[in-house]
Amino acid sequence: MFWVLVGIMKFKKWSEVYENDLSGTKRMLEVLRDLMKDNVLKILDRIENEGWDLTIFAQYYVTICLYNCPNNLAPIILDLFLLDG
């Protein structure tokens, strides 16, 4: 399992999420914005109309979506992350 995580960090560039300048997190948030524009524009518009920025989702990228997650779901999310990167 350790080497799977190392591979994901290296080859899927997840290690960039943890860089000092947060370049990977910024890149992922740009991808999120693009996906929201294409698929859920009304939600993106509402978020922006409320004066929020998509950086509110950054904590979920940094913690691999395990932030504030119920304990029974955490292993499932981690398994999916390790399986799919």
PDB file of N, CA and C in Angstrom:
ATOM      1  N   MET A   1       0.818  -1.178   0.000  1.00  0.00           N
ATOM      2  CA  MET A   1       0.000   0.000   0.000  1.00  0.00           C
ATOM      3  C   MET A   1       0.870   1.253   0.000  1.00  0.00           C
ATOM      4  N   PHE A   2       1.970   1.221   0.705  1.00  0.00           N
ATOM      5  CA  PHE A   2       2.873   2.371   0.741  1.00  0.00           C
ATOM      6  C   PHE A   2       3.353   2.718  -0.661  1.00  0.00           C
ATOM      7  N   TRP A   3       3.757   1.711  -1.432  1.00  0.00           N
ATOM      8  CA  TRP A   3       4.297   1.968  -2.761  1.00  0.00           C
ATOM      9  C   TRP A   3       3.217   2.426  -3.740  1.00  0.00           C
ATOM     10  N   VAL A   4       1.989   2.003  -3.513  1.00  0.00           N
ATOM     11  CA  VAL A   4       0.880   2.507  -4.329  1.00  0.00           C
ATOM     12  C   VAL A   4       0.724   4.007  -4.087  1.00  0.00           C
ATOM     13  N   LEU A   5       0.779   4.411  -2.829  1.00  0.00           N
ATOM     14  CA  LEU A   5       0.675   5.823  -2.485  1.00  0.00           C
ATOM     15  C   LEU A   5       1.851   6.617  -3.064  1.00  0.00           C
ATOM     16  N   VAL A   6       3.041   6.064  -2.995  1.00  0.00           N
ATOM     17  CA  VAL A   6       4.214   6.723  -3.589  1.00  0.00           C
ATOM     18  C   VAL A   6       4.025   6.897  -5.092  1.00  0.00           C
ATOM     19  N   GLY A   7       3.527   5.869  -5.762  1.00  0.00           N
ATOM     20  CA  GLY A   7       3.285   5.952  -7.197  1.00  0.00           C
ATOM     21  C   GLY A   7       2.262   7.019  -7.548  1.00  0.00           C
ATOM     22  N   ILE A   8       1.202   7.088  -6.773  1.00  0.00           N
ATOM     23  CA  ILE A   8       0.176   8.106  -7.020  1.00  0.00           C
ATOM     24  C   ILE A   8       0.767   9.500  -6.829  1.00  0.00           C
ATOM     25  N   MET A   9       1.520   9.669  -5.769  1.00  0.00           N
ATOM     26  CA  MET A   9       2.122  10.981  -5.504  1.00  0.00           C
ATOM     27  C   MET A   9       3.087  11.384  -6.618  1.00  0.00           C
ATOM     28  N   LYS A  10       3.796  10.417  -7.153  1.00  0.00           N
ATOM     29  CA  LYS A  10       4.806  10.728  -8.169  1.00  0.00           C
ATOM     30  C   LYS A  10       4.199  10.821  -9.576  1.00  0.00           C
ATOM     31  N   PHE A  11       3.491   9.799 -10.008  1.00  0.00           N
ATOM     32  CA  PHE A  11       3.054   9.711 -11.394  1.00  0.00           C
ATOM     33  C   PHE A  11       1.750  10.455 -11.676  1.00  0.00           C
ATOM     34  N   LYS A  12       0.902  10.575 -10.685  1.00  0.00           N
ATOM     35  CA  LYS A  12      -0.342  11.333 -10.869  1.00  0.00           C
ATOM     36  C   LYS A  12      -0.182  12.774 -10.384  1.00  0.00           C
ATOM     37  N   LYS A  13       1.022  13.110  -9.939  1.00  0.00           N
ATOM     38  CA  LYS A  13       1.401  14.466  -9.518  1.00  0.00           C
ATOM     39  C   LYS A  13       0.608  14.987  -8.320  1.00  0.00           C
ATOM     40  N   TRP A  14       0.163  14.086  -7.467  1.00  0.00           N
ATOM     41  CA  TRP A  14      -0.528  14.520  -6.262  1.00  0.00           C
ATOM     42  C   TRP A  14       0.420  15.189  -5.281  1.00  0.00           C
ATOM     43  N   SER A  15       1.712  14.934  -5.412  1.00  0.00           N
ATOM     44  CA  SER A  15       2.664  15.568  -4.494  1.00  0.00           C
ATOM     45  C   SER A  15       2.648  17.085  -4.641  1.00  0.00           C
ATOM     46  N   GLU A  16       2.243  17.589  -5.816  1.00  0.00           N
ATOM     47  CA  GLU A  16       2.160  19.029  -6.035  1.00  0.00           C
ATOM     48  C   GLU A  16       1.131  19.691  -5.125  1.00  0.00           C
ATOM     49  N   VAL A  17       0.155  18.925  -4.675  1.00  0.00           N
ATOM     50  CA  VAL A  17      -0.853  19.471  -3.761  1.00  0.00           C
ATOM     51  C   VAL A  17      -0.195  19.946  -2.473  1.00  0.00           C
ATOM     52  N   TYR A  18       0.896  19.310  -2.093  1.00  0.00           N
ATOM     53  CA  TYR A  18       1.549  19.601  -0.816  1.00  0.00           C
ATOM     54  C   TYR A  18       2.777  20.495  -0.961  1.00  0.00           C
ATOM     55  N   GLU A  19       2.992  21.089  -2.132  1.00  0.00           N
ATOM     56  CA  GLU A  19       4.111  22.009  -2.328  1.00  0.00           C
ATOM     57  C   GLU A  19       3.870  23.276  -1.512  1.00  0.00           C
ATOM     58  N   ASN A  20       4.945  23.989  -1.214  1.00  0.00           N
ATOM     59  CA  ASN A  20       4.827  25.222  -0.431  1.00  0.00           C
ATOM     60  C   ASN A  20       3.947  26.270  -1.107  1.00  0.00           C
ATOM     61  N   ASP A  21       4.004  26.331  -2.438  1.00  0.00           N
ATOM     62  CA  ASP A  21       3.214  27.335  -3.152  1.00  0.00           C
ATOM     63  C   ASP A  21       1.816  26.828  -3.522  1.00  0.00           C
ATOM     64  N   LEU A  22       1.485  25.602  -3.143  1.00  0.00           N
ATOM     65  CA  LEU A  22       0.175  24.986  -3.408  1.00  0.00           C
ATOM     66  C   LEU A  22      -0.174  24.965  -4.895  1.00  0.00           C
ATOM     67  N   SER A  23       0.828  24.827  -5.738  1.00  0.00           N
ATOM     68  CA  SER A  23       0.593  24.849  -7.183  1.00  0.00           C
ATOM     69  C   SER A  23      -0.342  23.736  -7.629  1.00  0.00           C
ATOM     70  N   GLY A  24      -0.209  22.564  -7.054  1.00  0.00           N
ATOM     71  CA  GLY A  24      -1.094  21.459  -7.420  1.00  0.00           C
ATOM     72  C   GLY A  24      -2.525  21.701  -6.987  1.00  0.00           C
ATOM     73  N   THR A  25      -2.690  22.265  -5.811  1.00  0.00           N
ATOM     74  CA  THR A  25      -4.031  22.575  -5.328  1.00  0.00           C
ATOM     75  C   THR A  25      -4.679  23.621  -6.225  1.00  0.00           C
ATOM     76  N   LYS A  26      -3.908  24.637  -6.592  1.00  0.00           N
ATOM     77  CA  LYS A  26      -4.437  25.680  -7.488  1.00  0.00           C
ATOM     78  C   LYS A  26      -4.837  25.081  -8.837  1.00  0.00           C
ATOM     79  N   ARG A  27      -4.003  24.174  -9.353  1.00  0.00           N
ATOM     80  CA  ARG A  27      -4.312  23.530 -10.625  1.00  0.00           C
ATOM     81  C   ARG A  27      -5.590  22.693 -10.519  1.00  0.00           C
ATOM     82  N   MET A  28      -5.726  21.945  -9.429  1.00  0.00           N
ATOM     83  CA  MET A  28      -6.921  21.122  -9.246  1.00  0.00           C
ATOM     84  C   MET A  28      -8.173  21.979  -9.095  1.00  0.00           C
ATOM     85  N   LEU A  29      -8.044  23.125  -8.453  1.00  0.00           N
ATOM     86  CA  LEU A  29      -9.194  24.015  -8.319  1.00  0.00           C
ATOM     87  C   LEU A  29      -9.589  24.631  -9.660  1.00  0.00           C
ATOM     88  N   GLU A  30      -8.618  24.864 -10.526  1.00  0.00           N
ATOM     89  CA  GLU A  30      -8.926  25.341 -11.880  1.00  0.00           C
ATOM     90  C   GLU A  30      -9.679  24.260 -12.667  1.00  0.00           C
ATOM     91  N   VAL A  31      -9.252  23.008 -12.510  1.00  0.00           N
ATOM     92  CA  VAL A  31      -9.953  21.892 -13.159  1.00  0.00           C
ATOM     93  C   VAL A  31     -11.369  21.783 -12.604  1.00  0.00           C
ATOM     94  N   LEU A  32     -11.516  21.946 -11.290  1.00  0.00           N
ATOM     95  CA  LEU A  32     -12.837  21.902 -10.673  1.00  0.00           C
ATOM     96  C   LEU A  32     -13.729  23.000 -11.241  1.00  0.00           C
ATOM     97  N   ARG A  33     -13.190  24.209 -11.382  1.00  0.00           N
ATOM     98  CA  ARG A  33     -13.962  25.315 -11.945  1.00  0.00           C
ATOM     99  C   ARG A  33     -14.422  24.976 -13.378  1.00  0.00           C
ATOM    100  N   ASP A  34     -13.512  24.444 -14.179  1.00  0.00           N
ATOM    101  CA  ASP A  34     -13.867  24.074 -15.553  1.00  0.00           C
ATOM    102  C   ASP A  34     -14.949  22.998 -15.588  1.00  0.00           C
ATOM    103  N   LEU A  35     -14.818  21.992 -14.723  1.00  0.00           N
ATOM    104  CA  LEU A  35     -15.830  20.933 -14.662  1.00  0.00           C
ATOM    105  C   LEU A  35     -17.184  21.483 -14.226  1.00  0.00           C
ATOM    106  N   MET A  36     -17.154  22.400 -13.259  1.00  0.00           N
ATOM    107  CA  MET A  36     -18.406  22.996 -12.802  1.00  0.00           C
ATOM    108  C   MET A  36     -19.036  23.861 -13.889  1.00  0.00           C
ATOM    109  N   LYS A  37     -18.213  24.566 -14.658  1.00  0.00           N
ATOM    110  CA  LYS A  37     -18.745  25.373 -15.771  1.00  0.00           C
ATOM    111  C   LYS A  37     -19.454  24.481 -16.784  1.00  0.00           C
ATOM    112  N   ASP A  38     -18.865  23.317 -17.047  1.00  0.00           N
ATOM    113  CA  ASP A  38     -19.429  22.415 -18.052  1.00  0.00           C
ATOM    114  C   ASP A  38     -20.638  21.632 -17.553  1.00  0.00           C
ATOM    115  N   ASN A  39     -20.683  21.335 -16.257  1.00  0.00           N
ATOM    116  CA  ASN A  39     -21.697  20.404 -15.759  1.00  0.00           C
ATOM    117  C   ASN A  39     -22.713  20.993 -14.793  1.00  0.00           C
ATOM    118  N   VAL A  40     -22.300  21.921 -13.965  1.00  0.00           N
ATOM    119  CA  VAL A  40     -23.216  22.478 -12.950  1.00  0.00           C
ATOM    120  C   VAL A  40     -23.031  23.993 -12.860  1.00  0.00           C
ATOM    121  N   LEU A  41     -23.285  24.653 -13.955  1.00  0.00           N
ATOM    122  CA  LEU A  41     -23.063  26.095 -14.057  1.00  0.00           C
ATOM    123  C   LEU A  41     -23.885  26.878 -13.038  1.00  0.00           C
ATOM    124  N   LYS A  42     -25.114  26.450 -12.773  1.00  0.00           N
ATOM    125  CA  LYS A  42     -25.966  27.163 -11.813  1.00  0.00           C
ATOM    126  C   LYS A  42     -25.354  27.150 -10.413  1.00  0.00           C
ATOM    127  N   ILE A  43     -24.767  26.030 -10.039  1.00  0.00           N
ATOM    128  CA  ILE A  43     -24.141  25.939  -8.713  1.00  0.00           C
ATOM    129  C   ILE A  43     -22.908  26.839  -8.655  1.00  0.00           C
ATOM    130  N   LEU A  44     -22.097  26.816  -9.703  1.00  0.00           N
ATOM    131  CA  LEU A  44     -20.913  27.681  -9.757  1.00  0.00           C
ATOM    132  C   LEU A  44     -21.329  29.146  -9.694  1.00  0.00           C
ATOM    133  N   ASP A  45     -22.361  29.514 -10.446  1.00  0.00           N
ATOM    134  CA  ASP A  45     -22.848  30.897 -10.407  1.00  0.00           C
ATOM    135  C   ASP A  45     -23.312  31.284  -9.015  1.00  0.00           C
ATOM    136  N   ARG A  46     -23.991  30.377  -8.355  1.00  0.00           N
ATOM    137  CA  ARG A  46     -24.478  30.667  -6.988  1.00  0.00           C
ATOM    138  C   ARG A  46     -23.310  30.857  -6.034  1.00  0.00           C
ATOM    139  N   ILE A  47     -22.303  30.000  -6.142  1.00  0.00           N
ATOM    140  CA  ILE A  47     -21.119  30.124  -5.281  1.00  0.00           C
ATOM    141  C   ILE A  47     -20.452  31.486  -5.511  1.00  0.00           C
ATOM    142  N   GLU A  48     -20.302  31.863  -6.771  1.00  0.00           N
ATOM    143  CA  GLU A  48     -19.654  33.139  -7.087  1.00  0.00           C
ATOM    144  C   GLU A  48     -20.533  34.328  -6.705  1.00  0.00           C
ATOM    145  N   ASN A  49     -21.858  34.215  -6.865  1.00  0.00           N
ATOM    146  CA  ASN A  49     -22.765  35.298  -6.477  1.00  0.00           C
ATOM    147  C   ASN A  49     -22.762  35.541  -4.969  1.00  0.00           C
ATOM    148  N   GLU A  50     -22.494  34.491  -4.212  1.00  0.00           N
ATOM    149  CA  GLU A  50     -22.414  34.635  -2.755  1.00  0.00           C
ATOM    150  C   GLU A  50     -21.074  35.245  -2.317  1.00  0.00           C
ATOM    151  N   GLY A  51     -20.171  35.419  -3.294  1.00  0.00           N
ATOM    152  CA  GLY A  51     -18.870  36.014  -2.983  1.00  0.00           C
ATOM    153  C   GLY A  51     -17.847  35.007  -2.500  1.00  0.00           C
ATOM    154  N   TRP A  52     -18.149  33.738  -2.693  1.00  0.00           N
ATOM    155  CA  TRP A  52     -17.211  32.690  -2.279  1.00  0.00           C
ATOM    156  C   TRP A  52     -16.263  32.377  -3.414  1.00  0.00           C
ATOM    157  N   ASP A  53     -15.142  31.809  -3.045  1.00  0.00           N
ATOM    158  CA  ASP A  53     -14.159  31.358  -4.026  1.00  0.00           C
ATOM    159  C   ASP A  53     -14.069  29.837  -3.913  1.00  0.00           C
ATOM    160  N   LEU A  54     -13.654  29.200  -4.973  1.00  0.00           N
ATOM    161  CA  LEU A  54     -13.557  27.734  -4.933  1.00  0.00           C
ATOM    162  C   LEU A  54     -12.457  27.241  -3.997  1.00  0.00           C
ATOM    163  N   THR A  55     -11.674  28.141  -3.448  1.00  0.00           N
ATOM    164  CA  THR A  55     -10.651  27.708  -2.478  1.00  0.00           C
ATOM    165  C   THR A  55     -11.286  27.113  -1.222  1.00  0.00           C
ATOM    166  N   ILE A  56     -12.595  27.297  -1.053  1.00  0.00           N
ATOM    167  CA  ILE A  56     -13.264  26.666   0.086  1.00  0.00           C
ATOM    168  C   ILE A  56     -13.201  25.148  -0.016  1.00  0.00           C
ATOM    169  N   PHE A  57     -12.954  24.633  -1.228  1.00  0.00           N
ATOM    170  CA  PHE A  57     -12.843  23.192  -1.427  1.00  0.00           C
ATOM    171  C   PHE A  57     -11.408  22.680  -1.314  1.00  0.00           C
ATOM    172  N   ALA A  58     -10.445  23.567  -1.123  1.00  0.00           N
ATOM    173  CA  ALA A  58      -9.033  23.170  -1.089  1.00  0.00           C
ATOM    174  C   ALA A  58      -8.745  22.158   0.020  1.00  0.00           C
ATOM    175  N   GLN A  59      -9.387  22.315   1.163  1.00  0.00           N
ATOM    176  CA  GLN A  59      -9.134  21.396   2.271  1.00  0.00           C
ATOM    177  C   GLN A  59      -9.475  19.955   1.905  1.00  0.00           C
ATOM    178  N   TYR A  60     -10.423  19.774   1.006  1.00  0.00           N
ATOM    179  CA  TYR A  60     -10.796  18.423   0.605  1.00  0.00           C
ATOM    180  C   TYR A  60      -9.749  17.792  -0.305  1.00  0.00           C
ATOM    181  N   TYR A  61      -9.093  18.610  -1.130  1.00  0.00           N
ATOM    182  CA  TYR A  61      -8.005  18.093  -1.967  1.00  0.00           C
ATOM    183  C   TYR A  61      -6.797  17.728  -1.106  1.00  0.00           C
ATOM    184  N   VAL A  62      -6.462  18.596  -0.172  1.00  0.00           N
ATOM    185  CA  VAL A  62      -5.280  18.369   0.654  1.00  0.00           C
ATOM    186  C   VAL A  62      -5.450  17.139   1.536  1.00  0.00           C
ATOM    187  N   THR A  63      -6.663  16.872   1.976  1.00  0.00           N
ATOM    188  CA  THR A  63      -6.908  15.719   2.851  1.00  0.00           C
ATOM    189  C   THR A  63      -7.500  14.530   2.097  1.00  0.00           C
ATOM    190  N   ILE A  64      -7.437  14.559   0.774  1.00  0.00           N
ATOM    191  CA  ILE A  64      -7.965  13.496  -0.089  1.00  0.00           C
ATOM    192  C   ILE A  64      -9.434  13.205   0.251  1.00  0.00           C
ATOM    193  N   CYS A  65     -10.201  14.255   0.435  1.00  0.00           N
ATOM    194  CA  CYS A  65     -11.646  14.182   0.705  1.00  0.00           C
ATOM    195  C   CYS A  65     -11.982  13.484   2.022  1.00  0.00           C
ATOM    196  N   LEU A  66     -11.033  13.372   2.912  1.00  0.00           N
ATOM    197  CA  LEU A  66     -11.298  12.719   4.188  1.00  0.00           C
ATOM    198  C   LEU A  66     -11.588  13.718   5.303  1.00  0.00           C
ATOM    199  N   TYR A  67     -11.513  15.007   4.998  1.00  0.00           N
ATOM    200  CA  TYR A  67     -11.791  16.038   5.987  1.00  0.00           C
ATOM    201  C   TYR A  67     -13.252  15.956   6.409  1.00  0.00           C
ATOM    202  N   ASN A  68     -13.482  15.820   7.681  1.00  0.00           N
ATOM    203  CA  ASN A  68     -14.839  15.782   8.232  1.00  0.00           C
ATOM    204  C   ASN A  68     -15.674  14.623   7.686  1.00  0.00           C
ATOM    205  N   CYS A  69     -15.031  13.548   7.325  1.00  0.00           N
ATOM    206  CA  CYS A  69     -15.705  12.388   6.748  1.00  0.00           C
ATOM    207  C   CYS A  69     -16.089  11.411   7.860  1.00  0.00           C
ATOM    208  N   PRO A  70     -17.268  10.814   7.782  1.00  0.00           N
ATOM    209  CA  PRO A  70     -17.627   9.797   8.773  1.00  0.00           C
ATOM    210  C   PRO A  70     -16.611   8.643   8.753  1.00  0.00           C
ATOM    211  N   ASN A  71     -16.324   8.111   9.901  1.00  0.00           N
ATOM    212  CA  ASN A  71     -15.301   7.061  10.029  1.00  0.00           C
ATOM    213  C   ASN A  71     -15.591   5.831   9.182  1.00  0.00           C
ATOM    214  N   ASN A  72     -16.853   5.509   8.974  1.00  0.00           N
ATOM    215  CA  ASN A  72     -17.158   4.317   8.183  1.00  0.00           C
ATOM    216  C   ASN A  72     -16.933   4.543   6.683  1.00  0.00           C
ATOM    217  N   LEU A  73     -16.886   5.807   6.221  1.00  0.00           N
ATOM    218  CA  LEU A  73     -16.652   6.101   4.810  1.00  0.00           C
ATOM    219  C   LEU A  73     -15.173   6.314   4.485  1.00  0.00           C
ATOM    220  N   ALA A  74     -14.385   6.681   5.473  1.00  0.00           N
ATOM    221  CA  ALA A  74     -12.972   7.004   5.237  1.00  0.00           C
ATOM    222  C   ALA A  74     -12.193   5.867   4.571  1.00  0.00           C
ATOM    223  N   PRO A  75     -12.304   4.623   5.035  1.00  0.00           N
ATOM    224  CA  PRO A  75     -11.564   3.546   4.359  1.00  0.00           C
ATOM    225  C   PRO A  75     -12.010   3.334   2.910  1.00  0.00           C
ATOM    226  N   ILE A  76     -13.276   3.539   2.635  1.00  0.00           N
ATOM    227  CA  ILE A  76     -13.780   3.368   1.276  1.00  0.00           C
ATOM    228  C   ILE A  76     -13.198   4.447   0.364  1.00  0.00           C
ATOM    229  N   ILE A  77     -13.198   5.686   0.826  1.00  0.00           N
ATOM    230  CA  ILE A  77     -12.637   6.786   0.040  1.00  0.00           C
ATOM    231  C   ILE A  77     -11.156   6.568  -0.186  1.00  0.00           C
ATOM    232  N   LEU A  78     -10.438   6.163   0.855  1.00  0.00           N
ATOM    233  CA  LEU A  78      -9.004   5.913   0.713  1.00  0.00           C
ATOM    234  C   LEU A  78      -8.737   4.760  -0.247  1.00  0.00           C
ATOM    235  N   ASP A  79      -9.539   3.706  -0.199  1.00  0.00           N
ATOM    236  CA  ASP A  79      -9.398   2.596  -1.159  1.00  0.00           C
ATOM    237  C   ASP A  79      -9.602   3.076  -2.586  1.00  0.00           C
ATOM    238  N   LEU A  80     -10.618   3.898  -2.805  1.00  0.00           N
ATOM    239  CA  LEU A  80     -10.868   4.426  -4.154  1.00  0.00           C
ATOM    240  C   LEU A  80      -9.722   5.310  -4.627  1.00  0.00           C
ATOM    241  N   PHE A  81      -9.188   6.122  -3.713  1.00  0.00           N
ATOM    242  CA  PHE A  81      -8.045   6.966  -4.070  1.00  0.00           C
ATOM    243  C   PHE A  81      -6.848   6.120  -4.452  1.00  0.00           C
ATOM    244  N   LEU A  82      -6.573   5.097  -3.680  1.00  0.00           N
ATOM    245  CA  LEU A  82      -5.430   4.235  -3.972  1.00  0.00           C
ATOM    246  C   LEU A  82      -5.656   3.431  -5.247  1.00  0.00           C
ATOM    247  N   LEU A  83      -6.891   3.087  -5.533  1.00  0.00           N
ATOM    248  CA  LEU A  83      -7.201   2.315  -6.734  1.00  0.00           C
ATOM    249  C   LEU A  83      -7.131   3.168  -7.992  1.00  0.00           C
ATOM    250  N   ASP A  84      -7.680   4.384  -7.894  1.00  0.00           N
ATOM    251  CA  ASP A  84      -7.841   5.205  -9.087  1.00  0.00           C
ATOM    252  C   ASP A  84      -6.872   6.398  -9.140  1.00  0.00           C
ATOM    253  N   GLY A  85      -6.298   6.761  -8.013  1.00  0.00           N
ATOM    254  CA  GLY A  85      -5.355   7.885  -7.987  1.00  0.00           C
ATOM    255  C   GLY A  85      -6.084   9.166  -8.064  1.00  0.00           C
TER     256      GLY A  85
END
